[in-house]
Protein backbone atom coordinates (compact mmCIF):
# COMPACT_ATOMS: atom_id res chain seq x y z
CA MET A 1 38.52 -79.92 -26.53
CA GLU A 2 42.18 -79.58 -26.84
CA LYS A 3 43.72 -82.21 -29.47
CA LEU A 4 45.71 -84.69 -27.98
CA SER A 5 49.69 -84.73 -29.15
CA ILE A 6 50.46 -88.30 -30.69
CA GLN A 7 52.25 -89.84 -27.81
CA GLU A 8 48.92 -88.91 -26.09
CA GLU A 9 46.29 -90.51 -28.16
CA GLU A 10 48.53 -93.21 -27.51
CA ALA A 11 48.18 -93.65 -23.63
CA MET A 12 45.15 -92.73 -24.53
CA GLN A 13 43.89 -95.72 -26.31
CA ALA A 14 45.47 -98.17 -23.49
CA ILE A 15 43.57 -96.49 -20.92
CA TRP A 16 40.28 -96.77 -23.15
CA GLN A 17 41.67 -100.58 -23.77
CA CYS A 18 42.04 -101.16 -20.28
CA ASN A 19 39.20 -98.96 -18.91
CA GLU A 20 41.06 -98.03 -16.16
CA GLY A 21 44.13 -99.12 -14.31
CA TYR A 22 47.42 -98.29 -12.94
CA ILE A 23 50.52 -97.41 -15.21
CA LYS A 24 52.25 -100.59 -15.50
CA ASP A 25 48.65 -102.34 -17.43
CA PHE A 26 47.99 -99.08 -19.63
CA LEU A 27 52.52 -100.00 -20.77
CA ASP A 28 51.53 -103.91 -21.14
CA ALA A 29 48.32 -102.58 -22.94
CA MET A 30 50.65 -100.82 -25.37
CA THR A 31 52.23 -102.36 -28.85
CA GLU A 32 56.28 -102.34 -29.21
CA PRO A 33 57.60 -99.91 -29.32
CA LYS A 34 56.29 -98.75 -25.72
CA PRO A 35 57.32 -95.84 -24.42
CA PRO A 36 59.42 -95.98 -20.97
CA TYR A 37 57.58 -96.43 -17.85
CA THR A 38 58.38 -92.86 -16.74
CA THR A 39 57.52 -91.32 -19.91
CA LEU A 40 54.15 -93.05 -20.42
CA ALA A 41 53.11 -92.08 -16.32
CA SER A 42 54.41 -88.29 -17.40
CA THR A 43 52.20 -88.66 -20.46
CA VAL A 44 49.42 -89.62 -18.05
CA LYS A 45 49.73 -87.08 -15.55
CA ASN A 46 49.56 -84.39 -18.28
CA LEU A 47 46.41 -86.73 -19.51
CA GLU A 48 44.98 -85.56 -16.36
CA ARG A 49 45.89 -82.60 -15.77
CA LYS A 50 44.34 -82.11 -19.38
CA GLN A 51 40.82 -83.37 -18.28
CA PHE A 52 41.14 -86.45 -20.07
CA VAL A 53 41.91 -88.95 -16.83
CA THR A 54 40.74 -89.17 -13.48
CA SER A 55 43.05 -90.64 -10.84
CA LYS A 56 41.95 -92.09 -7.36
CA LYS A 57 44.91 -92.81 -4.85
CA ILE A 58 45.19 -96.40 -3.81
CA GLY A 59 47.90 -96.94 -1.56
CA ASN A 60 50.95 -95.60 -3.01
CA SER A 61 49.94 -95.79 -6.14
CA PHE A 62 47.24 -93.62 -8.56
CA ARG A 63 44.43 -95.76 -10.64
CA TYR A 64 43.57 -94.27 -13.56
CA LYS A 65 40.26 -94.01 -15.35
CA ALA A 66 38.93 -91.71 -18.52
CA ALA A 67 37.41 -89.00 -18.30
CA ILE A 68 35.55 -89.14 -21.87
CA LYS A 69 34.83 -91.80 -23.67
CA GLU A 70 36.71 -92.98 -26.93
CA GLU A 71 33.27 -92.52 -29.37
CA ASP A 72 33.25 -88.85 -27.83
CA TYR A 73 37.11 -87.94 -28.25
CA LYS A 74 36.51 -89.13 -32.25
CA LYS A 75 33.57 -87.19 -32.77
CA ARG A 76 34.60 -83.80 -31.41
CA PHE A 77 38.38 -84.86 -33.11
CA MET A 78 36.79 -85.24 -36.26
CA SER A 79 34.49 -82.57 -36.58
CA GLY A 80 37.74 -80.01 -35.85
CA PHE A 81 39.38 -82.27 -37.99
CA VAL A 82 36.94 -81.60 -40.51
CA ASN A 83 36.05 -78.01 -39.91
CA ASP A 84 40.02 -77.50 -40.18
CA TYR A 85 40.33 -79.18 -43.85
CA PHE A 86 37.09 -79.70 -45.77
CA GLU A 87 35.70 -76.29 -44.90
CA ASN A 88 32.69 -77.79 -42.30
CA SER A 89 31.82 -80.17 -45.04
CA TYR A 90 31.89 -83.92 -44.87
CA LYS A 91 30.71 -84.37 -48.68
CA ASN A 92 34.15 -82.90 -49.46
CA LEU A 93 36.34 -84.75 -46.81
CA VAL A 94 34.79 -88.31 -48.78
CA ALA A 95 34.93 -86.67 -52.38
CA PHE A 96 39.18 -86.17 -51.24
CA PHE A 97 39.49 -89.96 -50.74
CA ALA A 98 37.43 -91.05 -53.73
CA LYS A 99 39.20 -88.60 -55.77
CA ASP A 100 42.24 -89.40 -54.31
CA LYS A 101 41.51 -93.76 -54.78
CA LYS A 102 41.17 -94.35 -51.26
CA ILE A 103 37.58 -95.18 -51.20
CA SER A 104 36.25 -97.44 -53.73
CA ALA A 105 32.46 -97.02 -54.74
CA SER A 106 31.50 -99.93 -53.19
CA GLU A 107 32.49 -98.55 -49.99
CA LEU A 108 30.60 -95.27 -51.23
CA LYS A 109 27.98 -97.62 -51.30
CA GLU A 110 27.95 -98.80 -47.68
CA ILE A 111 28.38 -95.73 -46.59
CA ILE A 112 25.21 -94.70 -48.28
CA ASN A 113 23.10 -97.57 -47.02
CA LEU A 114 24.32 -96.24 -43.56
CA ILE A 115 23.18 -93.33 -44.78
CA GLU A 116 19.69 -94.40 -45.53
CA ASN A 117 19.51 -96.92 -43.04
CA PRO A 118 21.16 -96.07 -39.51
CA LYS A 119 20.38 -98.45 -36.82
CA PRO A 120 19.04 -97.58 -33.49
């Protein structure tokens, strides 16, 4: 799976939030500063080319829908991130944040609890 640019990720966030819709719907769902309509339309077309969204022509407009679930994208993105920057070790990732004091001992205990007691 191809990594998305920041602009593409912001568009995908809006698409996931709307579930499906038109460019105007996605633009309305985005936070300020919003991109110009034409920029967002080009970005969504790129996402379609990359197979992250699908479209259906309705009248003179296209209705877009995510072709990949947000959860699946996050899993693939994080796997690549951990592989590229932390030698494919989630332990090294957590140790990095603990060492940099970006995660507290109580948060680490919560993580351990989630690992030991996973919810179905």
